[in-house]
Protein backbone atom coordinates (compact mmCIF):
# COMPACT_ATOMS: atom_id res chain seq x y z
CA MET A 1 0.00 0.00 0.00
CA ARG A 2 1.41 3.39 -0.99
CA ILE A 3 1.13 5.94 1.82
CA SER A 4 3.15 8.72 0.20
CA SER A 5 5.13 9.37 -2.94
CA THR A 6 8.19 7.79 -1.31
CA GLU A 7 6.82 5.20 1.13
CA ASN A 8 5.07 1.86 0.82
CA VAL A 9 3.80 -0.25 3.73
CA LEU A 10 2.20 -3.64 4.09
CA GLY A 11 -1.51 -2.98 4.35
CA GLY A 12 -4.74 -2.56 2.49
CA THR A 13 -8.50 -2.38 2.78
CA CYS A 14 -10.86 -5.19 3.79
CA ALA A 15 -13.01 -6.18 0.82
CA GLN A 16 -16.00 -7.01 3.05
CA CYS A 17 -16.18 -4.19 5.60
CA GLY A 18 -13.89 -1.51 4.16
CA ALA A 19 -11.65 -1.31 7.24
CA LEU A 20 -8.12 -0.05 6.64
CA PHE A 21 -5.21 -2.11 7.97
CA ILE A 22 -1.51 -1.31 8.13
CA VAL A 23 1.28 -3.52 9.46
CA ASP A 24 4.38 -2.52 11.41
CA PRO A 25 6.40 -5.77 11.24
CA THR A 26 9.03 -4.55 13.74
CA SER A 27 6.61 -3.03 16.28
CA LYS A 28 8.98 -0.05 16.53
CA ASN A 29 6.94 2.49 14.56
CA VAL A 30 3.41 1.92 15.85
CA GLY A 31 2.77 5.63 16.46
CA GLU A 32 3.84 6.57 12.95
CA VAL A 33 1.81 3.73 11.42
CA MET A 34 -1.24 4.72 13.46
CA MET A 35 -1.00 8.34 12.30
CA GLN A 36 -0.65 7.27 8.68
CA ALA A 37 -3.74 5.07 8.96
CA LEU A 38 -5.65 7.85 10.72
CA ASP A 39 -4.69 10.31 7.97
CA MET A 40 -5.95 7.87 5.33
CA ALA A 41 -9.20 7.31 7.26
CA ALA A 42 -9.67 11.06 7.66
CA ALA A 43 -9.29 11.50 3.90
CA LYS A 44 -12.13 8.97 3.42
CA LEU A 45 -14.37 11.19 5.58
CA SER A 46 -13.10 14.43 4.00
CA LYS A 47 -11.77 15.57 7.36
CA ASP A 48 -8.42 16.51 8.83
CA SER A 49 -6.92 13.87 11.13
CA THR A 50 -6.93 16.40 13.99
CA GLU A 51 -10.74 16.60 13.70
CA MET A 52 -11.26 12.84 14.04
CA VAL A 53 -13.01 11.68 17.23
CA PRO A 54 -12.49 8.06 18.35
CA GLY A 55 -15.76 6.18 18.71
CA GLU A 56 -17.62 8.85 16.74
CA ASP A 57 -15.69 8.97 13.45
CA TYR A 58 -13.83 5.66 13.67
CA ASP A 59 -13.14 2.50 15.67
CA ASP A 60 -9.62 1.11 15.89
CA ALA A 61 -7.65 -1.83 17.23
CA VAL A 62 -3.99 -2.73 17.62
CA LEU A 63 -3.18 -6.44 17.35
CA SER A 64 0.01 -8.47 17.46
CA TYR A 65 1.21 -9.60 14.03
CA ASP A 66 3.43 -12.58 13.24
CA TRP A 67 5.25 -11.63 10.05
CA ARG A 68 6.43 -15.22 9.52
CA THR A 69 2.92 -16.70 9.25
CA HIS A 70 1.02 -13.51 8.34
CA ARG A 71 -1.44 -14.13 11.17
CA SER A 72 -2.46 -12.29 14.29
CA PRO A 73 -2.30 -14.09 17.63
CA GLY A 74 -4.62 -11.41 19.06
CA ALA A 75 -4.09 -8.53 21.47
CA PRO A 76 -0.48 -7.63 22.33
CA LYS A 77 0.77 -9.19 25.56
CA GLY A 78 3.44 -6.56 26.10
CA PHE A 79 5.96 -4.33 24.42
CA MET A 80 8.61 -7.04 24.10
CA ASP A 81 6.41 -9.89 22.86
CA ARG A 82 8.50 -10.33 19.67
CA TYR A 83 5.56 -9.61 17.38
CA GLY A 84 4.91 -6.81 14.96
CA ARG A 85 1.73 -4.77 15.15
CA LEU A 86 -1.36 -4.76 12.97
CA TYR A 87 -3.32 -1.53 13.16
CA ILE A 88 -6.95 -1.65 12.02
CA ILE A 89 -9.17 1.40 11.64
CA LYS A 90 -12.82 1.36 10.53
CA THR A 91 -14.46 4.65 9.65
CA LYS A 92 -18.05 5.32 10.54
CA LYS A 93 -20.23 6.97 7.93
């Protein structure tokens, strides 16, 4: 998924529900990945990301991500759990 003219990340959009997902395989850039996903979700709603209200404009979740199997074992168990992070954001219309 292209997030800017110079950056690509592993991610996409769910074909069934339209939720946006972005992966941070190292779990070291979760904040940056979350902001990129929020910016993309805000663009869907024709808003600025600073105007987005959690629960009102979108729902989100951060899950652990195993980059070897491309599966999520669920909620993170801690910062040093040796998993990447999968950030999911679903806009509300």
